[in-house]
Amino acid sequence: MLRFLADENFNNQIVRGILRRNSDVDIIRVQDVGLAEADDPTVLEWAAQNGRLVLTHDVTTMINFAYERVQAGLPMPGLFEVSRRVPVGLAIEEILLLDECSLEGEWEGQVRFLPLR
């Protein structure tokens, strides 16, 4: 089972839908841990310290900061960029599939885009 951290502007419909489908999924929002309005490097650092994969819609800056962490040899448990164009239902299915089928640590140092096709 993976542990997710939804970025501040991540679609809350997706978060709620995931939890409605499977309340055991370990997903929290940055707002839930006192990181509202935190910059991307701070969010990524917190995620690394807490072993959480980051879910984001922010393709412009978050991805660059994630790659910078990897290049600097810093831990980065994984980043999933979910396009805002992806239907909510498909995003929910993809994240649930990731949670069900992934091994712990499998996404370390990786940036991926959903859907995975």
N, C-alpha and C. Protein backbone atom coordinates (compact mmCIF):
# COMPACT_ATOMS: atom_id res chain seq x y z
N MET A 1 0.84 -1.18 0.00
CA MET A 1 0.00 0.00 0.00
C MET A 1 0.89 1.25 0.00
N LEU A 2 0.56 2.16 -0.88
CA LEU A 2 1.32 3.40 -1.01
C LEU A 2 0.78 4.45 -0.06
N ARG A 3 1.56 5.48 0.11
CA ARG A 3 1.15 6.64 0.91
C ARG A 3 1.24 7.86 0.01
N PHE A 4 0.12 8.59 -0.12
CA PHE A 4 0.04 9.72 -1.03
C PHE A 4 -0.09 11.04 -0.29
N LEU A 5 0.44 12.08 -0.93
CA LEU A 5 0.26 13.45 -0.48
C LEU A 5 -0.27 14.24 -1.68
N ALA A 6 -1.49 14.76 -1.57
CA ALA A 6 -2.08 15.55 -2.64
C ALA A 6 -1.64 17.00 -2.50
N ASP A 7 -1.08 17.53 -3.57
CA ASP A 7 -0.62 18.92 -3.60
C ASP A 7 -1.80 19.87 -3.32
N GLU A 8 -1.48 21.09 -2.95
CA GLU A 8 -2.50 22.05 -2.51
C GLU A 8 -3.62 22.25 -3.53
N ASN A 9 -3.30 22.32 -4.80
CA ASN A 9 -4.32 22.58 -5.81
C ASN A 9 -4.82 21.31 -6.49
N PHE A 10 -4.51 20.15 -5.90
CA PHE A 10 -4.98 18.90 -6.47
C PHE A 10 -6.50 18.81 -6.31
N ASN A 11 -7.16 18.32 -7.33
CA ASN A 11 -8.62 18.24 -7.37
C ASN A 11 -9.16 17.42 -6.20
N ASN A 12 -9.88 18.07 -5.30
CA ASN A 12 -10.43 17.38 -4.14
C ASN A 12 -11.51 16.37 -4.50
N GLN A 13 -12.12 16.52 -5.68
CA GLN A 13 -13.08 15.50 -6.14
C GLN A 13 -12.37 14.17 -6.33
N ILE A 14 -11.14 14.22 -6.80
CA ILE A 14 -10.37 12.99 -6.98
C ILE A 14 -10.05 12.38 -5.61
N VAL A 15 -9.60 13.20 -4.68
CA VAL A 15 -9.27 12.70 -3.33
C VAL A 15 -10.50 12.07 -2.70
N ARG A 16 -11.63 12.77 -2.74
CA ARG A 16 -12.87 12.23 -2.15
C ARG A 16 -13.31 10.95 -2.85
N GLY A 17 -13.18 10.92 -4.17
CA GLY A 17 -13.57 9.74 -4.92
C GLY A 17 -12.72 8.52 -4.58
N ILE A 18 -11.43 8.75 -4.40
CA ILE A 18 -10.53 7.66 -4.00
C ILE A 18 -10.97 7.09 -2.65
N LEU A 19 -11.22 7.98 -1.71
CA LEU A 19 -11.59 7.54 -0.36
C LEU A 19 -12.98 6.91 -0.31
N ARG A 20 -13.88 7.36 -1.20
CA ARG A 20 -15.20 6.72 -1.28
C ARG A 20 -15.08 5.30 -1.80
N ARG A 21 -14.21 5.11 -2.77
CA ARG A 21 -14.03 3.78 -3.35
C ARG A 21 -13.26 2.85 -2.44
N ASN A 22 -12.27 3.42 -1.70
CA ASN A 22 -11.47 2.60 -0.81
C ASN A 22 -10.97 3.47 0.35
N SER A 23 -11.65 3.38 1.46
CA SER A 23 -11.31 4.23 2.60
C SER A 23 -9.98 3.85 3.24
N ASP A 24 -9.38 2.74 2.82
CA ASP A 24 -8.09 2.33 3.36
C ASP A 24 -6.90 2.99 2.67
N VAL A 25 -7.15 3.68 1.55
CA VAL A 25 -6.05 4.34 0.85
C VAL A 25 -5.50 5.44 1.74
N ASP A 26 -4.19 5.47 1.88
CA ASP A 26 -3.52 6.45 2.73
C ASP A 26 -3.21 7.69 1.90
N ILE A 27 -4.15 8.61 1.88
CA ILE A 27 -3.98 9.84 1.11
C ILE A 27 -4.35 11.02 2.00
N ILE A 28 -3.45 12.00 2.02
CA ILE A 28 -3.70 13.23 2.76
C ILE A 28 -3.39 14.41 1.84
N ARG A 29 -3.90 15.56 2.21
CA ARG A 29 -3.66 16.77 1.44
C ARG A 29 -2.63 17.63 2.17
N VAL A 30 -1.91 18.45 1.44
CA VAL A 30 -0.92 19.32 2.09
C VAL A 30 -1.59 20.20 3.14
N GLN A 31 -2.84 20.58 2.91
CA GLN A 31 -3.56 21.41 3.87
C GLN A 31 -3.76 20.66 5.20
N ASP A 32 -3.84 19.33 5.15
CA ASP A 32 -4.08 18.52 6.35
C ASP A 32 -2.85 18.45 7.26
N VAL A 33 -1.68 18.79 6.71
CA VAL A 33 -0.44 18.66 7.49
C VAL A 33 0.26 20.01 7.68
N GLY A 34 -0.50 21.07 7.52
CA GLY A 34 0.04 22.40 7.79
C GLY A 34 0.93 22.96 6.71
N LEU A 35 0.79 22.46 5.49
CA LEU A 35 1.64 22.95 4.40
C LEU A 35 0.89 23.82 3.39
N ALA A 36 -0.29 24.32 3.78
CA ALA A 36 -1.03 25.19 2.87
C ALA A 36 -0.14 26.37 2.50
N GLU A 37 -0.08 26.68 1.24
CA GLU A 37 0.71 27.78 0.68
C GLU A 37 2.22 27.56 0.77
N ALA A 38 2.65 26.35 1.12
CA ALA A 38 4.09 26.05 1.13
C ALA A 38 4.60 25.97 -0.30
N ASP A 39 5.86 26.33 -0.51
CA ASP A 39 6.41 26.24 -1.86
C ASP A 39 6.70 24.76 -2.21
N ASP A 40 6.91 24.52 -3.49
CA ASP A 40 7.09 23.15 -3.97
C ASP A 40 8.27 22.42 -3.31
N PRO A 41 9.44 23.06 -3.17
CA PRO A 41 10.54 22.34 -2.51
C PRO A 41 10.19 21.90 -1.09
N THR A 42 9.44 22.72 -0.37
CA THR A 42 9.03 22.37 0.99
C THR A 42 8.08 21.17 0.97
N VAL A 43 7.15 21.17 0.05
CA VAL A 43 6.21 20.05 -0.07
C VAL A 43 6.97 18.77 -0.41
N LEU A 44 7.89 18.84 -1.35
CA LEU A 44 8.67 17.66 -1.73
C LEU A 44 9.54 17.16 -0.59
N GLU A 45 10.11 18.07 0.17
CA GLU A 45 10.94 17.69 1.33
C GLU A 45 10.09 16.98 2.37
N TRP A 46 8.91 17.53 2.66
CA TRP A 46 8.01 16.91 3.64
C TRP A 46 7.60 15.52 3.15
N ALA A 47 7.27 15.41 1.88
CA ALA A 47 6.87 14.12 1.31
C ALA A 47 8.01 13.10 1.44
N ALA A 48 9.23 13.55 1.17
CA ALA A 48 10.39 12.64 1.28
C ALA A 48 10.60 12.20 2.72
N GLN A 49 10.50 13.12 3.64
CA GLN A 49 10.69 12.78 5.05
C GLN A 49 9.62 11.83 5.57
N ASN A 50 8.44 11.87 4.95
CA ASN A 50 7.32 11.06 5.41
C ASN A 50 6.97 9.92 4.47
N GLY A 51 7.81 9.69 3.46
CA GLY A 51 7.62 8.56 2.56
C GLY A 51 6.32 8.59 1.78
N ARG A 52 5.95 9.77 1.28
CA ARG A 52 4.69 9.91 0.56
C ARG A 52 4.93 10.32 -0.89
N LEU A 53 4.22 9.66 -1.79
CA LEU A 53 4.25 10.03 -3.20
C LEU A 53 3.37 11.24 -3.39
N VAL A 54 3.83 12.18 -4.17
CA VAL A 54 3.09 13.42 -4.38
C VAL A 54 2.21 13.30 -5.62
N LEU A 55 0.95 13.72 -5.44
CA LEU A 55 0.00 13.83 -6.55
C LEU A 55 -0.17 15.31 -6.84
N THR A 56 -0.01 15.70 -8.09
CA THR A 56 -0.08 17.12 -8.43
C THR A 56 -0.69 17.32 -9.81
N HIS A 57 -1.18 18.51 -10.05
CA HIS A 57 -1.58 18.95 -11.39
C HIS A 57 -0.56 19.95 -11.93
N ASP A 58 0.43 20.30 -11.12
CA ASP A 58 1.38 21.37 -11.42
C ASP A 58 2.53 20.87 -12.28
N VAL A 59 2.34 20.95 -13.57
CA VAL A 59 3.37 20.47 -14.49
C VAL A 59 4.47 21.51 -14.69
N THR A 60 4.20 22.77 -14.37
CA THR A 60 5.19 23.81 -14.65
C THR A 60 6.34 23.87 -13.67
N THR A 61 6.10 23.74 -12.39
CA THR A 61 7.20 23.91 -11.44
C THR A 61 7.50 22.67 -10.61
N MET A 62 6.49 21.96 -10.16
CA MET A 62 6.70 20.83 -9.25
C MET A 62 7.62 19.78 -9.87
N ILE A 63 7.43 19.50 -11.13
CA ILE A 63 8.25 18.48 -11.80
C ILE A 63 9.72 18.89 -11.82
N ASN A 64 9.99 20.14 -12.11
CA ASN A 64 11.39 20.61 -12.13
C ASN A 64 12.05 20.47 -10.75
N PHE A 65 11.31 20.82 -9.71
CA PHE A 65 11.87 20.69 -8.36
C PHE A 65 12.09 19.21 -8.00
N ALA A 66 11.20 18.34 -8.46
CA ALA A 66 11.38 16.90 -8.19
C ALA A 66 12.64 16.39 -8.88
N TYR A 67 12.85 16.77 -10.13
CA TYR A 67 14.06 16.36 -10.84
C TYR A 67 15.31 16.93 -10.17
N GLU A 68 15.23 18.16 -9.68
CA GLU A 68 16.38 18.75 -8.98
C GLU A 68 16.74 17.94 -7.74
N ARG A 69 15.73 17.46 -7.00
CA ARG A 69 15.99 16.62 -5.82
C ARG A 69 16.71 15.35 -6.23
N VAL A 70 16.24 14.73 -7.29
CA VAL A 70 16.85 13.48 -7.76
C VAL A 70 18.30 13.73 -8.18
N GLN A 71 18.54 14.78 -8.95
CA GLN A 71 19.89 15.10 -9.41
C GLN A 71 20.82 15.43 -8.25
N ALA A 72 20.28 15.99 -7.17
CA ALA A 72 21.09 16.33 -6.01
C ALA A 72 21.30 15.13 -5.09
N GLY A 73 20.73 14.00 -5.44
CA GLY A 73 20.87 12.80 -4.63
C GLY A 73 19.99 12.80 -3.38
N LEU A 74 18.99 13.65 -3.37
CA LEU A 74 18.06 13.71 -2.24
C LEU A 74 16.92 12.72 -2.45
N PRO A 75 16.33 12.23 -1.37
CA PRO A 75 15.21 11.29 -1.54
C PRO A 75 14.01 11.98 -2.18
N MET A 76 13.32 11.24 -3.03
CA MET A 76 12.11 11.73 -3.68
C MET A 76 11.25 10.49 -3.95
N PRO A 77 10.27 10.22 -3.06
CA PRO A 77 9.51 8.97 -3.12
C PRO A 77 8.71 8.77 -4.39
N GLY A 78 8.54 9.80 -5.19
CA GLY A 78 7.81 9.69 -6.44
C GLY A 78 6.85 10.85 -6.60
N LEU A 79 6.63 11.22 -7.85
CA LEU A 79 5.72 12.31 -8.17
C LEU A 79 4.85 11.86 -9.33
N PHE A 80 3.54 12.02 -9.17
CA PHE A 80 2.59 11.70 -10.23
C PHE A 80 1.87 12.98 -10.63
N GLU A 81 2.04 13.36 -11.89
CA GLU A 81 1.38 14.53 -12.43
C GLU A 81 0.11 14.03 -13.12
N VAL A 82 -1.03 14.51 -12.64
CA VAL A 82 -2.32 14.14 -13.20
C VAL A 82 -2.83 15.33 -14.00
N SER A 83 -2.93 15.15 -15.30
CA SER A 83 -3.41 16.24 -16.14
C SER A 83 -4.82 16.65 -15.72
N ARG A 84 -5.07 17.94 -15.75
CA ARG A 84 -6.42 18.43 -15.45
C ARG A 84 -7.40 18.00 -16.52
N ARG A 85 -6.91 17.57 -17.65
CA ARG A 85 -7.78 17.11 -18.74
C ARG A 85 -8.27 15.68 -18.54
N VAL A 86 -7.63 14.95 -17.63
CA VAL A 86 -8.04 13.57 -17.36
C VAL A 86 -9.36 13.60 -16.60
N PRO A 87 -10.35 12.85 -17.08
CA PRO A 87 -11.62 12.79 -16.36
C PRO A 87 -11.40 12.32 -14.91
N VAL A 88 -12.18 12.87 -13.99
CA VAL A 88 -12.05 12.56 -12.57
C VAL A 88 -12.12 11.05 -12.34
N GLY A 89 -13.08 10.38 -12.96
CA GLY A 89 -13.23 8.94 -12.77
C GLY A 89 -12.00 8.17 -13.20
N LEU A 90 -11.39 8.56 -14.31
CA LEU A 90 -10.18 7.88 -14.78
C LEU A 90 -9.01 8.13 -13.83
N ALA A 91 -8.89 9.36 -13.33
CA ALA A 91 -7.82 9.67 -12.38
C ALA A 91 -7.97 8.81 -11.12
N ILE A 92 -9.19 8.68 -10.64
CA ILE A 92 -9.46 7.85 -9.46
C ILE A 92 -9.04 6.41 -9.73
N GLU A 93 -9.45 5.87 -10.86
CA GLU A 93 -9.11 4.49 -11.21
C GLU A 93 -7.60 4.29 -11.29
N GLU A 94 -6.91 5.22 -11.91
CA GLU A 94 -5.46 5.10 -12.07
C GLU A 94 -4.74 5.11 -10.71
N ILE A 95 -5.17 6.00 -9.82
CA ILE A 95 -4.52 6.10 -8.52
C ILE A 95 -4.82 4.86 -7.68
N LEU A 96 -6.06 4.37 -7.75
CA LEU A 96 -6.40 3.13 -7.04
C LEU A 96 -5.60 1.96 -7.58
N LEU A 97 -5.41 1.90 -8.89
CA LEU A 97 -4.60 0.84 -9.50
C LEU A 97 -3.15 0.92 -9.02
N LEU A 98 -2.61 2.13 -8.99
CA LEU A 98 -1.25 2.32 -8.48
C LEU A 98 -1.13 1.81 -7.05
N ASP A 99 -2.10 2.18 -6.23
CA ASP A 99 -2.07 1.79 -4.83
C ASP A 99 -2.13 0.27 -4.68
N GLU A 100 -2.95 -0.34 -5.48
CA GLU A 100 -3.16 -1.79 -5.37
C GLU A 100 -1.99 -2.61 -5.92
N CYS A 101 -1.37 -2.11 -6.96
CA CYS A 101 -0.40 -2.93 -7.71
C CYS A 101 1.07 -2.54 -7.51
N SER A 102 1.34 -1.49 -6.78
CA SER A 102 2.72 -1.03 -6.62
C SER A 102 3.36 -1.60 -5.37
N LEU A 103 4.66 -1.76 -5.46
CA LEU A 103 5.44 -2.19 -4.31
C LEU A 103 5.99 -0.96 -3.61
N GLU A 104 6.22 -1.09 -2.31
CA GLU A 104 6.79 0.02 -1.55
C GLU A 104 8.15 0.38 -2.13
N GLY A 105 8.37 1.65 -2.37
CA GLY A 105 9.64 2.13 -2.90
C GLY A 105 9.79 2.02 -4.41
N GLU A 106 8.80 1.45 -5.07
CA GLU A 106 8.88 1.23 -6.51
C GLU A 106 9.03 2.52 -7.32
N TRP A 107 8.46 3.60 -6.84
CA TRP A 107 8.44 4.85 -7.60
C TRP A 107 9.50 5.85 -7.13
N GLU A 108 10.38 5.43 -6.25
CA GLU A 108 11.45 6.30 -5.73
C GLU A 108 12.22 6.96 -6.87
N GLY A 109 12.33 8.28 -6.79
CA GLY A 109 13.11 9.03 -7.77
C GLY A 109 12.47 9.19 -9.13
N GLN A 110 11.20 8.81 -9.26
CA GLN A 110 10.54 8.87 -10.57
C GLN A 110 9.46 9.94 -10.62
N VAL A 111 9.32 10.51 -11.81
CA VAL A 111 8.22 11.42 -12.12
C VAL A 111 7.43 10.73 -13.22
N ARG A 112 6.14 10.56 -12.97
CA ARG A 112 5.26 9.87 -13.93
C ARG A 112 4.03 10.72 -14.20
N PHE A 113 3.42 10.46 -15.33
CA PHE A 113 2.23 11.20 -15.74
C PHE A 113 1.07 10.23 -15.82
N LEU A 114 -0.08 10.66 -15.27
CA LEU A 114 -1.28 9.85 -15.33
C LEU A 114 -2.23 10.43 -16.36
N PRO A 115 -2.89 9.57 -17.13
CA PRO A 115 -2.86 8.12 -17.05
C PRO A 115 -1.54 7.55 -17.56
N LEU A 116 -1.24 6.34 -17.10
CA LEU A 116 0.06 5.72 -17.38
C LEU A 116 0.20 5.18 -18.81
N ARG A 117 -0.81 5.19 -19.58
CA ARG A 117 -0.75 4.63 -20.94
C ARG A 117 0.33 5.20 -21.79
